[in-house]
C-alpha atoms as a PDB file:
ATOM      1  CA  MET A   1      70.051 101.433  94.387  1.00  0.00           C
ATOM      2  CA  LEU A   2      68.709 101.675  90.791  1.00  0.00           C
ATOM      3  CA  SER A   3      71.745  99.847  89.671  1.00  0.00           C
ATOM      4  CA  ASP A   4      71.269  97.202  92.402  1.00  0.00           C
ATOM      5  CA  PHE A   5      67.843  96.943  90.900  1.00  0.00           C
ATOM      6  CA  LEU A   6      68.871  96.592  87.362  1.00  0.00           C
ATOM      7  CA  GLU A   7      71.573  94.211  88.156  1.00  0.00           C
ATOM      8  CA  ARG A   8      69.258  92.109  90.281  1.00  0.00           C
ATOM      9  CA  TYR A   9      66.223  91.980  87.407  1.00  0.00           C
ATOM     10  CA  ARG A  10      68.285  92.492  84.500  1.00  0.00           C
ATOM     11  CA  ALA A  11      66.771  89.833  82.696  1.00  0.00           C
ATOM     12  CA  GLY A  12      63.297  91.069  83.841  1.00  0.00           C
ATOM     13  CA  VAL A  13      63.979  94.451  82.718  1.00  0.00           C
ATOM     14  CA  PHE A  14      65.347  93.499  79.611  1.00  0.00           C
ATOM     15  CA  MET A  15      62.192  91.144  78.904  1.00  0.00           C
ATOM     16  CA  VAL A  16      59.912  94.102  79.524  1.00  0.00           C
ATOM     17  CA  CYS A  17      62.037  96.368  76.946  1.00  0.00           C
ATOM     18  CA  PHE A  18      62.131  93.815  74.713  1.00  0.00           C
ATOM     19  CA  SER A  19      58.280  93.256  74.656  1.00  0.00           C
ATOM     20  CA  VAL A  20      57.503  96.734  74.225  1.00  0.00           C
ATOM     21  CA  ILE A  21      59.963  97.242  71.293  1.00  0.00           C
ATOM     22  CA  SER A  22      58.536  94.171  69.763  1.00  0.00           C
ATOM     23  CA  LEU A  23      54.954  95.470  70.145  1.00  0.00           C
ATOM     24  CA  LEU A  24      56.135  98.581  68.164  1.00  0.00           C
ATOM     25  CA  PHE A  25      57.913  96.533  65.501  1.00  0.00           C
ATOM     26  CA  MET A  26      54.602  94.589  65.029  1.00  0.00           C
ATOM     27  CA  ALA A  27      52.901  97.504  64.382  1.00  0.00           C
ATOM     28  CA  LEU A  28      55.286  98.462  61.560  1.00  0.00           C
ATOM     29  CA  GLN A  29      56.096  96.890  58.174  1.00  0.00           C
ATOM     30  CA  VAL A  30      57.836  93.711  58.483  1.00  0.00           C
ATOM     31  CA  THR A  31      61.132  93.908  57.011  1.00  0.00           C
ATOM     32  CA  PRO A  32      64.366  91.784  57.218  1.00  0.00           C
ATOM     33  CA  TYR A  33      65.842  94.682  59.179  1.00  0.00           C
ATOM     34  CA  VAL A  34      62.961  94.370  61.817  1.00  0.00           C
ATOM     35  CA  ILE A  35      63.565  90.595  62.109  1.00  0.00           C
ATOM     36  CA  GLY A  36      67.549  91.106  62.435  1.00  0.00           C
ATOM     37  CA  ILE A  37      66.932  93.641  65.301  1.00  0.00           C
ATOM     38  CA  LYS A  38      64.615  91.494  67.067  1.00  0.00           C
ATOM     39  CA  THR A  39      67.248  88.673  67.069  1.00  0.00           C
ATOM     40  CA  SER A  40      69.859  91.267  68.252  1.00  0.00           C
ATOM     41  CA  LEU A  41      67.706  92.158  71.178  1.00  0.00           C
ATOM     42  CA  TRP A  42      67.641  88.412  72.091  1.00  0.00           C
ATOM     43  CA  PHE A  43      71.204  88.375  72.129  1.00  0.00           C
ATOM     44  CA  LEU A  44      71.450  91.412  74.476  1.00  0.00           C
ATOM     45  CA  ILE A  45      68.864  89.843  76.991  1.00  0.00           C
ATOM     46  CA  SER A  46      71.382  87.145  77.326  1.00  0.00           C
ATOM     47  CA  PRO A  47      73.864  85.693  75.110  1.00  0.00           C
ATOM     48  CA  GLU A  48      73.855  82.423  76.823  1.00  0.00           C
ATOM     49  CA  VAL A  49      70.170  81.987  76.413  1.00  0.00           C
ATOM     50  CA  VAL A  50      70.870  82.346  72.486  1.00  0.00           C
ATOM     51  CA  TYR A  51      73.785  80.146  72.275  1.00  0.00           C
ATOM     52  CA  ALA A  52      73.262  77.751  75.061  1.00  0.00           C
ATOM     53  CA  GLY A  53      69.568  78.068  76.323  1.00  0.00           C
ATOM     54  CA  SER A  54      67.404  74.745  76.311  1.00  0.00           C
ATOM     55  CA  PHE A  55      64.618  76.872  74.581  1.00  0.00           C
ATOM     56  CA  PHE A  56      66.809  77.675  71.412  1.00  0.00           C
ATOM     57  CA  ASN A  57      68.571  74.274  71.763  1.00  0.00           C
ATOM     58  CA  LYS A  58      65.333  72.531  71.022  1.00  0.00           C
ATOM     59  CA  ILE A  59      64.090  75.088  68.468  1.00  0.00           C
ATOM     60  CA  ASP A  60      67.531  75.436  66.557  1.00  0.00           C
ATOM     61  CA  SER A  61      68.139  72.056  65.198  1.00  0.00           C
ATOM     62  CA  LEU A  62      69.776  73.482  62.000  1.00  0.00           C
ATOM     63  CA  GLN A  63      73.446  73.951  63.284  1.00  0.00           C
ATOM     64  CA  GLY A  64      73.105  77.706  64.209  1.00  0.00           C
ATOM     65  CA  ARG A  65      71.199  78.659  61.121  1.00  0.00           C
ATOM     66  CA  PHE A  66      67.954  79.530  62.987  1.00  0.00           C
ATOM     67  CA  PHE A  67      68.262  83.415  62.984  1.00  0.00           C
ATOM     68  CA  HIS A  68      69.510  83.270  59.402  1.00  0.00           C
ATOM     69  CA  LEU A  69      66.446  81.351  58.250  1.00  0.00           C
ATOM     70  CA  ILE A  70      64.037  83.768  60.160  1.00  0.00           C
ATOM     71  CA  ARG A  71      65.599  86.834  58.178  1.00  0.00           C
ATOM     72  CA  VAL A  72      65.457  84.844  54.840  1.00  0.00           C
ATOM     73  CA  GLU A  73      61.675  84.037  55.780  1.00  0.00           C
ATOM     74  CA  GLY A  74      61.130  87.750  56.435  1.00  0.00           C
ATOM     75  CA  GLU A  75      62.793  88.428  53.166  1.00  0.00           C
ATOM     76  CA  ASN A  76      60.674  86.147  51.423  1.00  0.00           C
ATOM     77  CA  VAL A  77      57.569  87.619  53.011  1.00  0.00           C
ATOM     78  CA  ILE A  78      58.701  90.865  51.385  1.00  0.00           C
ATOM     79  CA  LEU A  79      59.429  89.329  47.862  1.00  0.00           C
ATOM     80  CA  ARG A  80      55.905  87.682  47.834  1.00  0.00           C
ATOM     81  CA  GLU A  81      54.178  91.264  48.463  1.00  0.00           C
ATOM     82  CA  GLN A  82      56.383  92.589  45.557  1.00  0.00           C
ATOM     83  CA  ASN A  83      55.439  89.870  43.376  1.00  0.00           C
ATOM     84  CA  ALA A  84      51.970  90.393  44.099  1.00  0.00           C
ATOM     85  CA  GLN A  85      52.169  94.086  43.338  1.00  0.00           C
ATOM     86  CA  LEU A  86      53.980  93.331  40.088  1.00  0.00           C
ATOM     87  CA  SER A  87      51.266  90.788  39.059  1.00  0.00           C
ATOM     88  CA  LYS A  88      48.586  93.068  39.639  1.00  0.00           C
ATOM     89  CA  GLY A  89      50.451  95.848  37.855  1.00  0.00           C
ATOM     90  CA  GLU A  90      50.910  93.536  34.720  1.00  0.00           C
ATOM     91  CA  MET A  91      47.196  92.491  34.752  1.00  0.00           C
ATOM     92  CA  GLU A  92      46.378  96.136  34.727  1.00  0.00           C
ATOM     93  CA  ARG A  93      48.627  96.907  31.785  1.00  0.00           C
ATOM     94  CA  ASP A  94      47.317  93.790  29.866  1.00  0.00           C
ATOM     95  CA  VAL A  95      43.734  95.286  30.204  1.00  0.00           C
ATOM     96  CA  LEU A  96      44.925  98.593  29.202  1.00  0.00           C
ATOM     97  CA  GLU A  97      46.664  97.434  26.335  1.00  0.00           C
ATOM     98  CA  LEU A  98      43.572  95.294  25.255  1.00  0.00           C
ATOM     99  CA  GLU A  99      41.379  98.370  25.643  1.00  0.00           C
ATOM    100  CA  ASN A 100      43.803 100.550  23.602  1.00  0.00           C
ATOM    101  CA  ASN A 101      43.906  97.937  20.795  1.00  0.00           C
ATOM    102  CA  ARG A 102      40.140  97.853  20.775  1.00  0.00           C
ATOM    103  CA  LEU A 103      39.909 101.571  20.548  1.00  0.00           C
ATOM    104  CA  ARG A 104      42.611 101.764  17.735  1.00  0.00           C
ATOM    105  CA  THR A 105      40.764  99.142  15.779  1.00  0.00           C
ATOM    106  CA  LEU A 106      37.559 100.924  16.233  1.00  0.00           C
ATOM    107  CA  LEU A 107      39.065 104.064  15.004  1.00  0.00           C
ATOM    108  CA  ASP A 108      40.806 102.504  12.054  1.00  0.00           C
ATOM    109  CA  LEU A 109      37.302 100.991  11.186  1.00  0.00           C
ATOM    110  CA  LYS A 110      35.736 104.564  11.224  1.00  0.00           C
ATOM    111  CA  GLU A 111      38.264 105.976   9.424  1.00  0.00           C
ATOM    112  CA  LYS A 112      38.486 103.382   6.235  1.00  0.00           C
ATOM    113  CA  THR A 113      35.140 101.850   6.174  1.00  0.00           C
ATOM    114  CA  PHE A 114      32.483 103.939   8.088  1.00  0.00           C
ATOM    115  CA  SER A 115      34.124 107.483   7.798  1.00  0.00           C
ATOM    116  CA  LYS A 116      30.882 109.435   8.703  1.00  0.00           C
ATOM    117  CA  SER A 117      30.156 107.067  11.630  1.00  0.00           C
ATOM    118  CA  ILE A 118      30.037 108.265  15.433  1.00  0.00           C
ATOM    119  CA  ALA A 119      32.213 106.849  18.030  1.00  0.00           C
ATOM    120  CA  ALA A 120      30.549 106.311  21.271  1.00  0.00           C
ATOM    121  CA  ASP A 121      31.217 104.498  24.590  1.00  0.00           C
ATOM    122  CA  VAL A 122      28.473 102.385  26.675  1.00  0.00           C
ATOM    123  CA  VAL A 123      27.811 104.213  29.795  1.00  0.00           C
ATOM    124  CA  ALA A 124      24.904 102.382  31.133  1.00  0.00           C
ATOM    125  CA  HIS A 125      22.476  99.694  31.239  1.00  0.00           C
ATOM    126  CA  ASP A 126      18.839 100.415  30.951  1.00  0.00           C
ATOM    127  CA  ILE A 127      17.284  98.837  34.170  1.00  0.00           C
ATOM    128  CA  ARG A 128      14.034  98.177  32.194  1.00  0.00           C
ATOM    129  CA  ASP A 129      15.953  95.999  29.442  1.00  0.00           C
ATOM    130  CA  TRP A 130      19.117  95.092  31.395  1.00  0.00           C
ATOM    131  CA  PHE A 131      20.466  92.231  28.989  1.00  0.00           C
ATOM    132  CA  HIS A 132      18.981  93.514  25.914  1.00  0.00           C
ATOM    133  CA  ALA A 133      19.633  97.444  25.771  1.00  0.00           C
ATOM    134  CA  PHE A 134      22.269 100.074  26.871  1.00  0.00           C
ATOM    135  CA  VAL A 135      23.063 103.646  26.803  1.00  0.00           C
ATOM    136  CA  ILE A 136      25.687 105.459  25.052  1.00  0.00           C
ATOM    137  CA  ASN A 137      27.269 108.891  25.303  1.00  0.00           C
ATOM    138  CA  LYS A 138      26.384 110.149  22.095  1.00  0.00           C
ATOM    139  CA  GLY A 139      23.052 111.727  20.916  1.00  0.00           C
ATOM    140  CA  ALA A 140      21.105 114.103  18.702  1.00  0.00           C
ATOM    141  CA  GLN A 141      23.959 116.873  19.414  1.00  0.00           C
ATOM    142  CA  GLN A 142      26.492 114.687  18.224  1.00  0.00           C
ATOM    143  CA  GLY A 143      24.431 113.738  14.793  1.00  0.00           C
ATOM    144  CA  VAL A 144      23.042 110.384  16.106  1.00  0.00           C
ATOM    145  CA  SER A 145      19.674 109.633  14.326  1.00  0.00           C
ATOM    146  CA  LEU A 146      16.844 107.348  15.442  1.00  0.00           C
ATOM    147  CA  SER A 147      17.103 103.570  14.188  1.00  0.00           C
ATOM    148  CA  ALA A 148      20.573 104.009  13.337  1.00  0.00           C
ATOM    149  CA  ALA A 149      22.733 100.946  12.994  1.00  0.00           C
ATOM    150  CA  VAL A 150      25.231 100.234  15.840  1.00  0.00           C
ATOM    151  CA  VAL A 151      28.171  98.199  15.433  1.00  0.00           C
ATOM    152  CA  SER A 152      31.101  97.004  17.519  1.00  0.00           C
ATOM    153  CA  ILE A 153      34.339  95.224  16.897  1.00  0.00           C
ATOM    154  CA  GLU A 154      35.282  91.275  17.284  1.00  0.00           C
ATOM    155  CA  LYS A 155      38.744  90.152  15.976  1.00  0.00           C
ATOM    156  CA  ASP A 156      39.014  93.160  14.064  1.00  0.00           C
ATOM    157  CA  ARG A 157      35.688  92.816  12.181  1.00  0.00           C
ATOM    158  CA  PRO A 158      32.913  94.975  12.494  1.00  0.00           C
ATOM    159  CA  VAL A 159      29.908  93.163  13.734  1.00  0.00           C
ATOM    160  CA  LEU A 160      25.995  94.445  14.099  1.00  0.00           C
ATOM    161  CA  ILE A 161      24.709  94.839  17.854  1.00  0.00           C
ATOM    162  CA  GLY A 162      21.555  96.588  17.471  1.00  0.00           C
ATOM    163  CA  ARG A 163      19.909  99.854  16.491  1.00  0.00           C
ATOM    164  CA  ILE A 164      19.231 103.161  18.255  1.00  0.00           C
ATOM    165  CA  ALA A 165      15.906 102.889  19.929  1.00  0.00           C
ATOM    166  CA  GLU A 166      15.658 106.254  21.905  1.00  0.00           C
ATOM    167  CA  LEU A 167      17.313 109.511  21.258  1.00  0.00           C
ATOM    168  CA  ASP A 168      18.267 112.181  23.624  1.00  0.00           C
ATOM    169  CA  THR A 169      20.451 115.329  23.279  1.00  0.00           C
ATOM    170  CA  VAL A 170      23.712 113.858  24.460  1.00  0.00           C
ATOM    171  CA  SER A 171      23.076 110.277  25.013  1.00  0.00           C
ATOM    172  CA  SER A 172      21.182 107.408  23.282  1.00  0.00           C
ATOM    173  CA  LYS A 173      19.598 103.751  23.940  1.00  0.00           C
ATOM    174  CA  VAL A 174      20.643 101.044  22.009  1.00  0.00           C
ATOM    175  CA  LEU A 175      18.265  98.073  21.367  1.00  0.00           C
ATOM    176  CA  LEU A 176      20.453  95.033  21.105  1.00  0.00           C
ATOM    177  CA  LEU A 177      19.473  92.176  18.485  1.00  0.00           C
ATOM    178  CA  THR A 178      18.694  89.679  21.312  1.00  0.00           C
ATOM    179  CA  ASP A 179      15.606  91.850  22.648  1.00  0.00           C
ATOM    180  CA  ALA A 180      12.280  90.392  21.485  1.00  0.00           C
ATOM    181  CA  VAL A 181      10.964  93.579  19.689  1.00  0.00           C
ATOM    182  CA  SER A 182      14.150  93.377  17.442  1.00  0.00           C
ATOM    183  CA  ALA A 183      13.799  92.268  14.009  1.00  0.00           C
ATOM    184  CA  ILE A 184      16.195  92.835  11.024  1.00  0.00           C
ATOM    185  CA  SER A 185      16.422  91.521   7.374  1.00  0.00           C
ATOM    186  CA  VAL A 186      19.662  89.508   6.907  1.00  0.00           C
ATOM    187  CA  SER A 187      21.019  87.041   4.462  1.00  0.00           C
ATOM    188  CA  VAL A 188      22.984  84.073   4.359  1.00  0.00           C
ATOM    189  CA  ALA A 189      26.448  84.895   3.210  1.00  0.00           C
ATOM    190  CA  ARG A 190      27.167  81.415   1.455  1.00  0.00           C
ATOM    191  CA  THR A 191      23.646  80.972  -0.377  1.00  0.00           C
ATOM    192  CA  GLY A 192      22.250  84.468  -0.559  1.00  0.00           C
ATOM    193  CA  ASP A 193      18.894  83.422   1.059  1.00  0.00           C
ATOM    194  CA  ILE A 194      16.851  86.290   2.859  1.00  0.00           C
ATOM    195  CA  GLY A 195      15.143  86.009   6.150  1.00  0.00           C
ATOM    196  CA  LEU A 196      14.086  88.073   9.131  1.00  0.00           C
ATOM    197  CA  LEU A 197      16.311  87.766  12.234  1.00  0.00           C
ATOM    198  CA  GLU A 198      14.397  88.257  15.339  1.00  0.00           C
ATOM    199  CA  GLY A 199      15.257  88.741  18.965  1.00  0.00           C
ATOM    200  CA  LYS A 200      13.946  86.235  21.694  1.00  0.00           C
ATOM    201  CA  ASN A 201      15.330  87.388  24.923  1.00  0.00           C
ATOM    202  CA  ARG A 202      17.599  84.691  24.772  1.00  0.00           C
ATOM    203  CA  PRO A 203      21.509  84.521  24.089  1.00  0.00           C
ATOM    204  CA  TRP A 204      20.687  83.398  20.696  1.00  0.00           C
ATOM    205  CA  VAL A 205      18.485  85.050  17.901  1.00  0.00           C
ATOM    206  CA  LEU A 206      15.846  83.146  15.474  1.00  0.00           C
ATOM    207  CA  LEU A 207      16.145  83.409  11.672  1.00  0.00           C
ATOM    208  CA  ASN A 208      12.823  83.073  10.322  1.00  0.00           C
ATOM    209  CA  TYR A 209      10.952  82.906   6.853  1.00  0.00           C
ATOM    210  CA  LEU A 210      13.729  81.105   5.016  1.00  0.00           C
ATOM    211  CA  PRO A 211      12.947  79.464   1.641  1.00  0.00           C
ATOM    212  CA  GLU A 212      11.764  75.794   2.283  1.00  0.00           C
ATOM    213  CA  LYS A 213      14.483  74.748  -0.173  1.00  0.00           C
ATOM    214  CA  SER A 214      17.379  76.621   1.326  1.00  0.00           C
ATOM    215  CA  GLU A 215      20.575  74.849   1.687  1.00  0.00           C
ATOM    216  CA  ILE A 216      21.615  76.966   4.922  1.00  0.00           C
ATOM    217  CA  THR A 217      23.546  74.652   7.259  1.00  0.00           C
ATOM    218  CA  GLU A 218      25.301  74.966  10.456  1.00  0.00           C
ATOM    219  CA  GLY A 219      28.134  77.247  10.557  1.00  0.00           C
ATOM    220  CA  ASP A 220      27.044  79.611   7.761  1.00  0.00           C
ATOM    221  CA  GLU A 221      27.614  83.269   8.130  1.00  0.00           C
ATOM    222  CA  ILE A 222      24.782  85.755   8.715  1.00  0.00           C
ATOM    223  CA  ILE A 223      25.119  89.091   7.332  1.00  0.00           C
ATOM    224  CA  THR A 224      22.915  92.203   7.154  1.00  0.00           C
ATOM    225  CA  ALA A 225      20.738  92.364   3.871  1.00  0.00           C
ATOM    226  CA  GLY A 226      20.660  96.051   3.865  1.00  0.00           C
ATOM    227  CA  LEU A 227      16.841  96.225   2.910  1.00  0.00           C
ATOM    228  CA  GLY A 228      14.756  99.133   3.867  1.00  0.00           C
ATOM    229  CA  GLY A 229      17.819 101.393   4.114  1.00  0.00           C
ATOM    230  CA  LEU A 230      18.263 101.097   7.918  1.00  0.00           C
ATOM    231  CA  PHE A 231      21.361  98.627   8.095  1.00  0.00           C
ATOM    232  CA  PRO A 232      23.999  98.721   5.437  1.00  0.00           C
ATOM    233  CA  PRO A 233      24.394  95.367   3.636  1.00  0.00           C
ATOM    234  CA  GLY A 234      27.225  92.874   4.266  1.00  0.00           C
ATOM    235  CA  VAL A 235      27.656  93.468   7.919  1.00  0.00           C
ATOM    236  CA  PHE A 236      28.474  90.393   9.992  1.00  0.00           C
ATOM    237  CA  VAL A 237      25.737  89.518  12.468  1.00  0.00           C
ATOM    238  CA  GLY A 238      26.821  85.938  13.495  1.00  0.00           C
ATOM    239  CA  ARG A 239      26.607  82.166  12.601  1.00  0.00           C
ATOM    240  CA  VAL A 240      24.017  79.399  12.532  1.00  0.00           C
ATOM    241  CA  LEU A 241      23.821  76.945  15.238  1.00  0.00           C
ATOM    242  CA  SER A 242      21.174  74.716  13.994  1.00  0.00           C
ATOM    243  CA  VAL A 243      18.288  74.476  11.121  1.00  0.00           C
ATOM    244  CA  MET A 244      14.760  73.394  11.498  1.00  0.00           C
ATOM    245  CA  GLU A 245      11.583  73.398   9.912  1.00  0.00           C
ATOM    246  CA  SER A 246       8.947  76.088  10.673  1.00  0.00           C
ATOM    247  CA  GLU A 247       5.844  74.773  12.480  1.00  0.00           C
ATOM    248  CA  ASP A 248       3.747  75.413   9.335  1.00  0.00           C
ATOM    249  CA  GLY A 249       6.329  73.479   7.301  1.00  0.00           C
ATOM    250  CA  PHE A 250       6.359  76.254   4.849  1.00  0.00           C
ATOM    251  CA  PHE A 251       9.939  77.693   5.682  1.00  0.00           C
ATOM    252  CA  LYS A 252      13.000  76.898   7.479  1.00  0.00           C
ATOM    253  CA  GLN A 253      14.178  78.341  10.498  1.00  0.00           C
ATOM    254  CA  ALA A 254      17.749  78.739  12.070  1.00  0.00           C
ATOM    255  CA  LYS A 255      19.052  79.571  15.604  1.00  0.00           C
ATOM    256  CA  VAL A 256      21.898  82.250  15.113  1.00  0.00           C
ATOM    257  CA  SER A 257      24.989  82.781  17.587  1.00  0.00           C
ATOM    258  CA  LEU A 258      25.445  86.321  17.363  1.00  0.00           C
ATOM    259  CA  ALA A 259      28.999  87.404  16.543  1.00  0.00           C
ATOM    260  CA  ALA A 260      29.204  90.054  19.283  1.00  0.00           C
ATOM    261  CA  ASN A 261      29.866  89.478  22.876  1.00  0.00           C
ATOM    262  CA  LEU A 262      26.814  91.791  23.711  1.00  0.00           C
ATOM    263  CA  GLY A 263      27.910  91.504  27.653  1.00  0.00           C
ATOM    264  CA  ALA A 264      31.410  92.766  27.114  1.00  0.00           C
ATOM    265  CA  VAL A 265      30.681  95.731  24.610  1.00  0.00           C
ATOM    266  CA  GLU A 266      32.270  99.017  25.750  1.00  0.00           C
ATOM    267  CA  ASN A 267      32.871 101.032  22.532  1.00  0.00           C
ATOM    268  CA  VAL A 268      30.675 101.371  19.445  1.00  0.00           C
ATOM    269  CA  LEU A 269      30.248 102.921  16.231  1.00  0.00           C
ATOM    270  CA  VAL A 270      26.884 104.365  15.297  1.00  0.00           C
ATOM    271  CA  LEU A 271      26.359 104.577  11.453  1.00  0.00           C
ATOM    272  CA  LYS A 272      24.815 106.839   8.988  1.00  0.00           C
ATOM    273  CA  ARG A 273      22.021 105.297   6.966  1.00  0.00           C
ATOM    274  CA  ASP A 274      23.991 106.094   3.689  1.00  0.00           C
ATOM    275  CA  ILE A 275      27.189 104.431   4.584  1.00  0.00           C
ATOM    276  CA  LYS A 276      27.801 101.283   2.845  1.00  0.00           C
ATOM    277  CA  PRO A 277      30.953  98.872   4.043  1.00  0.00           C
END
């Protein structure tokens, strides 16, 4: 009875079985072996359909290579997935390598130039001054002092980014040079002219009170002057973008582009006031 039923409805039974198995395979990860099994099942259902059926004759216009191409496509899918994983791994490796190089440079700078400085990591941005202050993971307990200079690394060179504005036991707030309340004495490296660098809550800062006869020009380097003892002299700050006359006509002013990319700073050194580069 059962054999007669199977014999009579063989194609239908195999089709149902094939559909169930196909659904199971669809739930599994696609592999060339799964594709190969699907092709084999079609052959088991009806070899004449595979070799002579009108449906496959219309599809297989590549001289019997239809199933081979299906398998190749399955392998290509897997290769694309593997390549994506490899690319992701390479990107992560490059990021880690860049981070390691930056930390190595920072520690080398600490060892050779600022031996008594304190290495710290940026751990948060102050929501009150999102673009002009951030918090580091070192405080009074680690020897950080109020108003101490904070430097970072740009192209293997120490650059000033701000000063300690608030001090806690194990953390500190760094006020960046771009903040409107930031003001430090700097000098033009080429001419020696002294001026006051003030933050304007802008990506650039303004250099004020330069002598009216100053020969400052676009591209000049700006460095710390070291006046007052808060900042060591000679630390790179930025470059002149443009020069103009002050409103009263007695001084020159200059827009300065900071050397540090403040939005990307992750590691810093907090300097001691008696440290000189």
